[in-house]
């Protein structure tokens, strides 16, 4: 247990500096709560759908978000990469790489979504139609984009594509939805034009 806390110290320090302007640094307890909520919001379980349904919907989601995105199915998930509109080519944060992992559970298909900013895409070529023969390896949780709004919007769109919600939340309409949900952060890793909540 002590190792877990030691491993979380750099993350807690990072989150303490990620408070909204005017809020001041977060306390250790607030950082832990925010971290736990962020980890929770990157997972969702869907009953009554198949793994293929989820992966088809996720592929469609990334295609509709950015038709230039690169996508590749894996043994148990989907990898997607998209250039950021304000990123310099090959700059340290010029690409958003998405790692979508699916797992069959008794409750349904568990989906884990993680976005990481990087200098190069994790997917080099899209549209081959062939599945890779390797599983999706999730990046460490401390590397993921620290935005509740990003994952909230991702799952709201996935909900609609899986017919779990009648409402499509587009990037342009994201602000009111994210404010209603109390989700903060940038959605740039998903949306072509930056929307901040």
Protein backbone atom coordinates (compact mmCIF):
# COMPACT_ATOMS: atom_id res chain seq x y z
CA UNK A 1 0.00 0.00 0.00
CA UNK A 2 2.85 2.36 0.85
CA UNK A 3 4.37 1.86 -2.63
CA UNK A 4 1.07 2.90 -4.22
CA UNK A 5 1.12 6.21 -2.32
CA UNK A 6 4.76 6.81 -3.20
CA UNK A 7 3.99 6.17 -6.87
CA UNK A 8 1.09 8.63 -6.71
CA UNK A 9 3.15 11.48 -5.19
CA UNK A 10 4.30 12.92 -8.56
CA UNK A 11 0.74 12.68 -9.87
CA UNK A 12 -0.64 14.41 -6.79
CA UNK A 13 1.95 17.15 -7.19
CA UNK A 14 0.96 17.59 -10.83
CA UNK A 15 -2.74 17.70 -9.97
CA UNK A 16 -2.10 20.22 -7.22
CA UNK A 17 -0.83 22.60 -9.89
CA UNK A 18 -3.73 21.80 -12.25
CA UNK A 19 -6.35 23.65 -10.27
CA UNK A 20 -8.45 26.18 -12.10
CA UNK A 21 -7.22 29.79 -12.19
CA UNK A 22 -8.05 31.61 -9.00
CA UNK A 23 -8.51 28.39 -7.01
CA UNK A 24 -4.97 28.13 -5.72
CA UNK A 25 -3.10 24.85 -5.23
CA UNK A 26 -5.18 21.79 -4.37
CA UNK A 27 -4.79 20.08 -1.03
CA UNK A 28 -3.50 16.52 -0.99
CA UNK A 29 -7.03 15.27 -0.23
CA UNK A 30 -8.53 17.29 -3.11
CA UNK A 31 -5.83 15.98 -5.44
CA UNK A 32 -6.65 12.40 -4.43
CA UNK A 33 -10.37 12.94 -4.99
CA UNK A 34 -9.74 14.52 -8.40
CA UNK A 35 -7.36 11.69 -9.37
CA UNK A 36 -9.83 8.98 -8.32
CA UNK A 37 -12.63 10.71 -10.24
CA UNK A 38 -10.45 10.98 -13.33
CA UNK A 39 -9.61 7.26 -13.18
CA UNK A 40 -13.30 6.42 -12.73
CA UNK A 41 -14.39 8.58 -15.65
CA UNK A 42 -12.02 6.76 -18.04
CA UNK A 43 -14.02 3.52 -17.60
CA UNK A 44 -17.57 2.61 -18.51
CA UNK A 45 -19.41 -0.69 -18.85
CA UNK A 46 -22.05 -1.19 -21.53
CA UNK A 47 -24.68 -3.91 -21.14
CA UNK A 48 -26.44 -5.41 -24.14
CA UNK A 49 -23.69 -4.68 -26.68
CA UNK A 50 -20.80 -6.67 -28.08
CA UNK A 51 -17.14 -5.80 -28.14
CA UNK A 52 -17.44 -5.32 -31.93
CA UNK A 53 -20.34 -2.88 -31.41
CA UNK A 54 -18.17 -0.80 -29.08
CA UNK A 55 -15.14 -0.83 -31.37
CA UNK A 56 -17.20 0.02 -34.47
CA UNK A 57 -18.80 2.93 -32.56
CA UNK A 58 -15.41 4.15 -31.25
CA UNK A 59 -13.96 4.07 -34.77
CA UNK A 60 -16.93 6.07 -36.05
CA UNK A 61 -16.54 8.53 -33.16
CA UNK A 62 -12.91 9.27 -34.06
CA UNK A 63 -13.74 9.48 -37.77
CA UNK A 64 -16.51 12.01 -37.10
CA UNK A 65 -14.30 14.01 -34.72
CA UNK A 66 -11.52 14.28 -37.28
CA UNK A 67 -11.66 12.64 -40.70
CA UNK A 68 -7.84 12.82 -40.81
CA UNK A 69 -7.46 10.70 -37.67
CA UNK A 70 -5.57 7.43 -37.96
CA UNK A 71 -7.24 4.36 -36.46
CA UNK A 72 -6.18 0.75 -35.99
CA UNK A 73 -8.12 -2.14 -34.43
CA UNK A 74 -6.21 -4.35 -32.05
CA UNK A 75 -6.95 -7.75 -30.58
CA UNK A 76 -9.03 -6.19 -27.80
CA UNK A 77 -9.40 -2.54 -28.64
CA UNK A 78 -8.67 0.41 -30.86
CA UNK A 79 -5.79 2.82 -31.24
CA UNK A 80 -6.43 6.27 -32.70
CA UNK A 81 -4.15 9.23 -33.41
CA UNK A 82 -4.96 12.77 -34.47
CA UNK A 83 -2.90 15.90 -35.02
CA UNK A 84 -3.77 18.76 -32.73
CA UNK A 85 -4.78 21.99 -34.41
CA UNK A 86 -2.37 24.11 -32.38
CA UNK A 87 0.46 21.59 -32.21
CA UNK A 88 3.69 22.16 -34.09
CA UNK A 89 4.60 19.18 -36.27
CA UNK A 90 6.74 16.79 -34.21
CA UNK A 91 6.47 19.09 -31.19
CA UNK A 92 6.25 17.51 -27.73
CA UNK A 93 2.42 17.66 -27.70
CA UNK A 94 1.48 17.76 -31.36
CA UNK A 95 -0.52 14.49 -31.47
CA UNK A 96 -3.30 13.03 -29.34
CA UNK A 97 -3.00 9.25 -29.11
CA UNK A 98 -6.04 7.34 -27.88
CA UNK A 99 -5.95 3.86 -26.39
CA UNK A 100 -9.35 2.16 -26.20
CA UNK A 101 -9.40 -1.23 -24.48
CA UNK A 102 -12.43 -3.50 -24.21
CA UNK A 103 -13.01 -6.36 -21.82
CA UNK A 104 -15.94 -8.78 -21.59
CA UNK A 105 -17.37 -8.85 -18.05
CA UNK A 106 -20.53 -10.40 -16.58
CA UNK A 107 -22.06 -6.88 -16.52
CA UNK A 108 -21.25 -6.17 -20.17
CA UNK A 109 -18.37 -4.76 -22.18
CA UNK A 110 -16.02 -2.68 -20.03
CA UNK A 111 -14.42 0.15 -22.01
CA UNK A 112 -11.29 1.94 -20.86
CA UNK A 113 -10.30 5.11 -22.73
CA UNK A 114 -7.01 6.92 -22.27
CA UNK A 115 -5.63 9.83 -24.24
CA UNK A 116 -1.96 10.81 -24.21
CA UNK A 117 -0.30 13.80 -25.85
CA UNK A 118 2.83 12.90 -27.79
CA UNK A 119 5.16 14.03 -30.56
CA UNK A 120 4.28 11.21 -32.97
CA UNK A 121 1.22 9.11 -33.72
CA UNK A 122 0.89 5.62 -32.25
CA UNK A 123 -0.96 4.64 -35.44
CA UNK A 124 1.09 5.07 -38.60
CA UNK A 125 -1.44 3.99 -41.22
CA UNK A 126 -5.22 3.80 -41.17
CA UNK A 127 -7.88 2.04 -43.14
CA UNK A 128 -6.14 -1.26 -43.84
CA UNK A 129 -9.14 -3.12 -42.47
CA UNK A 130 -6.84 -5.70 -40.93
CA UNK A 131 -6.76 -6.35 -37.22
CA UNK A 132 -3.39 -6.23 -35.58
CA UNK A 133 -2.48 -9.38 -33.73
CA UNK A 134 -1.46 -7.63 -30.54
CA UNK A 135 -3.58 -6.37 -27.65
CA UNK A 136 -4.05 -2.74 -26.69
CA UNK A 137 -1.48 -1.82 -24.05
CA UNK A 138 -2.79 1.03 -21.95
CA UNK A 139 -0.33 3.79 -21.12
CA UNK A 140 0.37 4.39 -17.43
CA UNK A 141 -2.46 6.29 -15.77
CA UNK A 142 -0.11 9.11 -14.77
CA UNK A 143 0.59 9.83 -18.48
CA UNK A 144 -3.02 10.34 -19.51
CA UNK A 145 -4.53 13.71 -20.41
CA UNK A 146 -5.81 15.18 -17.13
CA UNK A 147 -9.28 16.29 -18.25
CA UNK A 148 -12.60 15.07 -16.89
CA UNK A 149 -14.34 16.97 -19.71
CA UNK A 150 -12.43 15.04 -22.39
CA UNK A 151 -13.48 11.61 -21.15
CA UNK A 152 -16.99 12.82 -20.30
CA UNK A 153 -17.45 14.01 -23.89
CA UNK A 154 -15.92 10.82 -25.32
CA UNK A 155 -18.34 8.60 -23.37
CA UNK A 156 -21.33 10.87 -24.09
CA UNK A 157 -20.65 10.47 -27.81
CA UNK A 158 -20.04 6.73 -27.45
CA UNK A 159 -23.33 6.42 -25.51
CA UNK A 160 -25.18 7.93 -28.46
CA UNK A 161 -23.44 5.76 -31.05
CA UNK A 162 -24.29 2.66 -29.00
CA UNK A 163 -27.94 3.82 -28.75
CA UNK A 164 -27.69 4.30 -24.99
CA UNK A 165 -28.59 7.99 -25.31
CA UNK A 166 -30.78 9.94 -27.72
CA UNK A 167 -28.55 13.00 -27.39
CA UNK A 168 -25.53 13.56 -29.61
CA UNK A 169 -23.13 15.96 -27.88
CA UNK A 170 -21.04 17.53 -30.63
CA UNK A 171 -17.83 19.40 -29.94
CA UNK A 172 -19.65 22.65 -30.77
CA UNK A 173 -22.37 21.86 -28.20
CA UNK A 174 -20.05 20.45 -25.55
CA UNK A 175 -19.78 23.48 -23.24
CA UNK A 176 -23.35 23.44 -21.83
CA UNK A 177 -23.30 19.64 -21.48
CA UNK A 178 -19.94 19.62 -19.69
CA UNK A 179 -20.99 22.45 -17.37
CA UNK A 180 -24.24 20.59 -16.52
CA UNK A 181 -22.17 17.50 -15.69
CA UNK A 182 -19.64 19.50 -13.65
CA UNK A 183 -16.77 18.32 -15.86
CA UNK A 184 -13.76 20.57 -16.33
CA UNK A 185 -10.81 20.57 -18.67
CA UNK A 186 -9.85 20.68 -22.32
CA UNK A 187 -11.37 18.47 -25.03
CA UNK A 188 -8.75 19.34 -27.64
CA UNK A 189 -7.56 15.74 -27.82
CA UNK A 190 -10.96 14.86 -29.32
CA UNK A 191 -12.26 18.05 -30.95
CA UNK A 192 -10.72 19.83 -33.93
CA UNK A 193 -11.53 23.24 -32.48
CA UNK A 194 -10.66 23.68 -28.82
CA UNK A 195 -13.60 23.79 -26.42
CA UNK A 196 -12.80 24.47 -22.76
CA UNK A 197 -15.16 23.88 -19.91
